């Protein structure tokens, strides 16, 4: 009986601590007219960045020494942000297309 009561008290006290827990989100970057939009995104560790290619051309979301996501026309691709830092990305086919993700 005492054990059950302690479990109940512990559960009730722990409830408010978990109530404010942030959830991972998905941030979208649209590719249209040979440009990323927005060009700068803020994300948190665990968030997903999704690139949506609305162009008629293939693009990539490429990070030197990191990921290289192929984005065929009218398709999308994504990556989960695993560590804090600034991530500069570009399109391997069109290097003038650039963007930045700041992960905290």
N, C-alpha and C. Protein backbone atom coordinates (compact mmCIF):
# COMPACT_ATOMS: atom_id res chain seq x y z
N UNK A 1 0.82 -1.19 0.00
CA UNK A 1 0.00 0.00 0.00
C UNK A 1 0.87 1.25 0.00
N UNK A 2 1.89 1.25 0.86
CA UNK A 2 2.79 2.40 0.94
C UNK A 2 3.53 2.59 -0.38
N UNK A 3 3.96 1.50 -1.01
CA UNK A 3 4.68 1.57 -2.28
C UNK A 3 3.79 2.18 -3.36
N UNK A 4 2.54 1.77 -3.42
CA UNK A 4 1.60 2.30 -4.40
C UNK A 4 1.40 3.80 -4.18
N UNK A 5 1.28 4.22 -2.95
CA UNK A 5 1.10 5.64 -2.62
C UNK A 5 2.34 6.43 -3.05
N UNK A 6 3.55 5.91 -2.79
CA UNK A 6 4.78 6.59 -3.20
C UNK A 6 4.87 6.71 -4.72
N UNK A 7 4.48 5.68 -5.43
CA UNK A 7 4.47 5.75 -6.89
C UNK A 7 3.51 6.82 -7.39
N UNK A 8 2.34 6.90 -6.80
CA UNK A 8 1.36 7.90 -7.18
C UNK A 8 1.87 9.31 -6.91
N UNK A 9 2.45 9.53 -5.76
CA UNK A 9 2.99 10.86 -5.41
C UNK A 9 4.13 11.22 -6.37
N UNK A 10 5.00 10.28 -6.66
CA UNK A 10 6.11 10.53 -7.59
C UNK A 10 5.58 10.90 -8.97
N UNK A 11 4.57 10.18 -9.43
CA UNK A 11 4.00 10.45 -10.75
C UNK A 11 3.36 11.83 -10.81
N UNK A 12 2.66 12.21 -9.77
CA UNK A 12 2.00 13.52 -9.73
C UNK A 12 3.04 14.64 -9.69
N UNK A 13 4.09 14.46 -8.92
CA UNK A 13 5.13 15.48 -8.84
C UNK A 13 5.94 15.59 -10.13
N UNK A 14 6.12 14.50 -10.84
CA UNK A 14 6.89 14.50 -12.07
C UNK A 14 6.10 15.08 -13.25
N UNK A 15 4.81 15.06 -13.19
CA UNK A 15 3.96 15.52 -14.29
C UNK A 15 4.29 16.94 -14.74
N UNK A 16 4.37 17.93 -13.86
CA UNK A 16 4.66 19.28 -14.33
C UNK A 16 6.03 19.40 -15.00
N UNK A 17 7.00 18.59 -14.61
CA UNK A 17 8.33 18.67 -15.22
C UNK A 17 8.28 18.28 -16.69
N UNK A 18 7.51 17.31 -17.06
CA UNK A 18 7.43 16.86 -18.45
C UNK A 18 6.47 17.69 -19.28
N UNK A 19 5.63 18.49 -18.65
CA UNK A 19 4.61 19.24 -19.38
C UNK A 19 5.22 20.27 -20.32
N UNK A 20 6.39 20.81 -19.99
CA UNK A 20 7.00 21.84 -20.82
C UNK A 20 8.04 21.31 -21.78
N UNK A 21 8.13 20.01 -21.94
CA UNK A 21 9.14 19.43 -22.81
C UNK A 21 8.88 19.81 -24.26
N UNK A 22 9.94 20.32 -24.91
CA UNK A 22 9.80 20.72 -26.31
C UNK A 22 9.78 19.49 -27.20
N UNK A 23 9.02 19.57 -28.26
CA UNK A 23 8.94 18.47 -29.22
C UNK A 23 9.71 18.86 -30.48
N UNK A 24 10.24 17.86 -31.13
CA UNK A 24 10.94 18.10 -32.38
C UNK A 24 9.97 18.63 -33.41
N UNK A 25 10.46 19.54 -34.23
CA UNK A 25 9.63 20.14 -35.26
C UNK A 25 10.23 19.89 -36.63
N UNK A 26 9.45 20.14 -37.66
CA UNK A 26 9.93 20.07 -39.03
C UNK A 26 9.96 21.48 -39.59
N UNK A 27 11.13 21.87 -40.08
CA UNK A 27 11.30 23.17 -40.73
C UNK A 27 11.37 22.91 -42.23
N UNK A 28 10.61 23.62 -43.03
CA UNK A 28 10.60 23.43 -44.48
C UNK A 28 11.38 24.52 -45.18
N UNK A 29 12.17 24.08 -46.14
CA UNK A 29 12.87 24.99 -47.04
C UNK A 29 12.38 24.67 -48.44
N UNK A 30 11.80 25.65 -49.08
CA UNK A 30 11.22 25.47 -50.42
C UNK A 30 12.26 25.87 -51.47
N UNK A 31 12.36 25.07 -52.50
CA UNK A 31 13.22 25.41 -53.64
C UNK A 31 12.30 25.80 -54.78
N UNK A 32 12.44 27.04 -55.23
CA UNK A 32 11.59 27.56 -56.31
C UNK A 32 12.38 28.62 -57.06
N UNK A 33 12.34 28.57 -58.37
CA UNK A 33 13.03 29.53 -59.22
C UNK A 33 14.51 29.60 -58.89
N UNK A 34 15.12 28.41 -58.70
CA UNK A 34 16.56 28.27 -58.48
C UNK A 34 17.05 28.97 -57.20
N UNK A 35 16.20 28.92 -56.16
CA UNK A 35 16.59 29.54 -54.89
C UNK A 35 15.98 28.78 -53.72
N UNK A 36 16.72 28.74 -52.59
CA UNK A 36 16.21 28.20 -51.33
C UNK A 36 15.43 29.31 -50.64
N UNK A 37 14.29 28.96 -50.05
CA UNK A 37 13.52 29.95 -49.30
C UNK A 37 12.86 29.28 -48.11
N UNK A 38 13.19 29.74 -46.90
CA UNK A 38 14.12 30.82 -46.56
C UNK A 38 15.56 30.34 -46.72
N UNK A 39 16.48 31.29 -46.80
CA UNK A 39 17.89 30.94 -46.93
C UNK A 39 18.53 30.69 -45.57
N UNK A 40 17.91 31.17 -44.50
CA UNK A 40 18.42 30.93 -43.15
C UNK A 40 17.31 30.39 -42.26
N UNK A 41 17.63 29.31 -41.54
CA UNK A 41 16.66 28.63 -40.69
C UNK A 41 17.29 28.39 -39.33
N UNK A 42 16.49 28.56 -38.28
CA UNK A 42 16.92 28.21 -36.93
C UNK A 42 16.20 26.93 -36.52
N UNK A 43 16.97 26.00 -35.97
CA UNK A 43 16.40 24.72 -35.56
C UNK A 43 17.02 24.30 -34.23
N UNK A 44 16.41 23.30 -33.63
CA UNK A 44 16.92 22.73 -32.39
C UNK A 44 17.38 21.30 -32.67
N UNK A 45 18.26 20.79 -31.81
CA UNK A 45 18.69 19.41 -31.94
C UNK A 45 17.45 18.52 -31.93
N UNK A 46 17.38 17.61 -32.89
CA UNK A 46 16.23 16.72 -33.01
C UNK A 46 15.22 17.18 -34.05
N UNK A 47 15.27 18.46 -34.45
CA UNK A 47 14.37 18.95 -35.49
C UNK A 47 14.74 18.34 -36.84
N UNK A 48 13.75 18.27 -37.71
CA UNK A 48 13.95 17.80 -39.07
C UNK A 48 13.90 18.99 -40.02
N UNK A 49 14.85 19.04 -40.93
CA UNK A 49 14.81 20.03 -42.00
C UNK A 49 14.35 19.29 -43.25
N UNK A 50 13.31 19.80 -43.88
CA UNK A 50 12.79 19.20 -45.11
C UNK A 50 12.94 20.19 -46.25
N UNK A 51 13.59 19.75 -47.32
CA UNK A 51 13.72 20.55 -48.52
C UNK A 51 12.69 20.07 -49.52
N UNK A 52 11.89 20.98 -50.06
CA UNK A 52 10.84 20.65 -51.02
C UNK A 52 11.22 21.31 -52.35
N UNK A 53 11.48 20.50 -53.36
CA UNK A 53 11.90 21.01 -54.66
C UNK A 53 10.70 21.23 -55.56
N UNK A 54 10.32 22.49 -55.74
CA UNK A 54 9.21 22.84 -56.63
C UNK A 54 9.68 23.17 -58.04
N UNK A 55 11.00 23.12 -58.27
CA UNK A 55 11.55 23.43 -59.59
C UNK A 55 11.39 22.25 -60.55
N UNK A 56 11.63 22.53 -61.83
CA UNK A 56 11.63 21.49 -62.85
C UNK A 56 13.02 20.85 -63.00
N UNK A 57 13.98 21.31 -62.19
CA UNK A 57 15.35 20.82 -62.23
C UNK A 57 15.69 20.08 -60.94
N UNK A 58 16.61 19.13 -61.05
CA UNK A 58 17.12 18.45 -59.85
C UNK A 58 18.04 19.39 -59.08
N UNK A 59 18.01 19.28 -57.76
CA UNK A 59 18.88 20.07 -56.88
C UNK A 59 19.42 19.13 -55.80
N UNK A 60 20.32 19.65 -54.98
CA UNK A 60 20.78 18.91 -53.81
C UNK A 60 20.81 19.86 -52.62
N UNK A 61 20.82 19.29 -51.46
CA UNK A 61 21.12 20.02 -50.22
C UNK A 61 22.41 19.37 -49.73
N UNK A 62 23.52 20.03 -49.97
CA UNK A 62 24.84 19.46 -49.75
C UNK A 62 25.60 20.25 -48.69
N UNK A 63 26.23 19.50 -47.78
CA UNK A 63 27.09 20.09 -46.74
C UNK A 63 28.46 19.47 -46.93
N UNK A 64 29.48 20.32 -47.11
CA UNK A 64 30.84 19.81 -47.25
C UNK A 64 31.20 18.99 -46.02
N UNK A 65 31.62 17.74 -46.25
CA UNK A 65 31.97 16.85 -45.16
C UNK A 65 30.77 16.33 -44.38
N UNK A 66 29.57 16.55 -44.91
CA UNK A 66 28.35 16.13 -44.22
C UNK A 66 27.39 15.45 -45.17
N UNK A 67 26.13 15.80 -45.08
CA UNK A 67 25.12 15.12 -45.90
C UNK A 67 25.07 15.67 -47.32
N UNK A 68 24.49 14.88 -48.21
CA UNK A 68 24.28 15.25 -49.61
C UNK A 68 22.94 14.65 -50.02
N UNK A 69 21.90 15.46 -49.94
CA UNK A 69 20.54 14.99 -50.18
C UNK A 69 20.13 15.32 -51.62
N UNK A 70 19.82 14.30 -52.37
CA UNK A 70 19.38 14.48 -53.75
C UNK A 70 17.90 14.87 -53.75
N UNK A 71 17.57 15.91 -54.52
CA UNK A 71 16.20 16.43 -54.57
C UNK A 71 15.73 16.49 -56.02
N UNK A 72 15.17 15.40 -56.52
CA UNK A 72 14.64 15.41 -57.89
C UNK A 72 13.51 16.43 -58.04
N UNK A 73 13.17 16.80 -59.27
CA UNK A 73 12.08 17.75 -59.48
C UNK A 73 10.78 17.26 -58.82
N UNK A 74 10.11 18.18 -58.15
CA UNK A 74 8.81 17.92 -57.51
C UNK A 74 8.87 16.88 -56.40
N UNK A 75 10.04 16.68 -55.80
CA UNK A 75 10.22 15.74 -54.69
C UNK A 75 10.79 16.47 -53.49
N UNK A 76 10.92 15.76 -52.37
CA UNK A 76 11.49 16.36 -51.17
C UNK A 76 12.47 15.39 -50.53
N UNK A 77 13.26 15.92 -49.61
CA UNK A 77 14.20 15.13 -48.83
C UNK A 77 14.40 15.81 -47.50
N UNK A 78 14.93 15.06 -46.53
CA UNK A 78 15.05 15.65 -45.20
C UNK A 78 16.27 15.13 -44.46
N UNK A 79 16.62 15.84 -43.39
CA UNK A 79 17.71 15.45 -42.50
C UNK A 79 17.34 15.88 -41.09
N UNK A 80 17.70 15.05 -40.12
CA UNK A 80 17.46 15.36 -38.70
C UNK A 80 18.72 16.03 -38.17
N UNK A 81 18.54 17.14 -37.47
CA UNK A 81 19.66 17.88 -36.90
C UNK A 81 20.11 17.19 -35.62
N UNK A 82 21.34 16.69 -35.61
CA UNK A 82 21.82 15.86 -34.51
C UNK A 82 22.75 16.56 -33.53
N UNK A 83 23.32 17.71 -33.93
CA UNK A 83 24.20 18.42 -33.01
C UNK A 83 24.13 19.93 -33.28
N UNK A 84 24.47 20.68 -32.26
CA UNK A 84 24.42 22.14 -32.35
C UNK A 84 25.54 22.66 -33.25
N UNK A 85 25.26 23.78 -33.89
CA UNK A 85 26.26 24.42 -34.73
C UNK A 85 25.62 25.10 -35.92
N UNK A 86 26.45 25.67 -36.75
CA UNK A 86 26.00 26.34 -37.97
C UNK A 86 26.31 25.41 -39.14
N UNK A 87 25.30 25.16 -39.95
CA UNK A 87 25.44 24.26 -41.10
C UNK A 87 25.17 25.08 -42.37
N UNK A 88 26.22 25.25 -43.17
CA UNK A 88 26.06 25.91 -44.46
C UNK A 88 25.83 24.84 -45.52
N UNK A 89 24.79 25.02 -46.32
CA UNK A 89 24.49 24.05 -47.38
C UNK A 89 24.36 24.76 -48.71
N UNK A 90 24.45 23.98 -49.78
CA UNK A 90 24.35 24.53 -51.13
C UNK A 90 23.84 23.44 -52.07
N UNK A 91 23.53 23.85 -53.28
CA UNK A 91 23.15 22.89 -54.32
C UNK A 91 24.41 22.54 -55.10
N UNK A 92 24.74 21.27 -55.15
CA UNK A 92 25.94 20.81 -55.86
C UNK A 92 25.85 21.13 -57.35
N UNK A 93 24.65 21.12 -57.93
CA UNK A 93 24.48 21.40 -59.36
C UNK A 93 24.46 22.90 -59.65
N UNK A 94 24.07 23.68 -58.68
CA UNK A 94 23.94 25.13 -58.85
C UNK A 94 24.56 25.80 -57.61
N UNK A 95 25.90 25.89 -57.55
CA UNK A 95 26.59 26.33 -56.33
C UNK A 95 26.24 27.74 -55.85
N UNK A 96 25.60 28.52 -56.70
CA UNK A 96 25.16 29.85 -56.26
C UNK A 96 23.95 29.76 -55.32
N UNK A 97 23.29 28.62 -55.28
CA UNK A 97 22.15 28.40 -54.37
C UNK A 97 22.73 27.98 -53.01
N UNK A 98 22.56 28.85 -52.01
CA UNK A 98 23.15 28.59 -50.70
C UNK A 98 22.14 28.86 -49.59
N UNK A 99 22.38 28.22 -48.44
CA UNK A 99 21.54 28.46 -47.27
C UNK A 99 22.31 28.13 -46.00
N UNK A 100 21.69 28.43 -44.87
CA UNK A 100 22.33 28.21 -43.58
C UNK A 100 21.30 27.75 -42.56
N UNK A 101 21.69 26.76 -41.75
CA UNK A 101 20.86 26.27 -40.65
C UNK A 101 21.65 26.49 -39.36
N UNK A 102 21.05 27.16 -38.40
CA UNK A 102 21.67 27.34 -37.10
C UNK A 102 20.95 26.43 -36.12
N UNK A 103 21.69 25.45 -35.59
CA UNK A 103 21.09 24.46 -34.69
C UNK A 103 21.55 24.75 -33.25
N UNK A 104 20.56 24.88 -32.34
CA UNK A 104 20.89 25.14 -30.94
C UNK A 104 20.41 24.00 -30.07
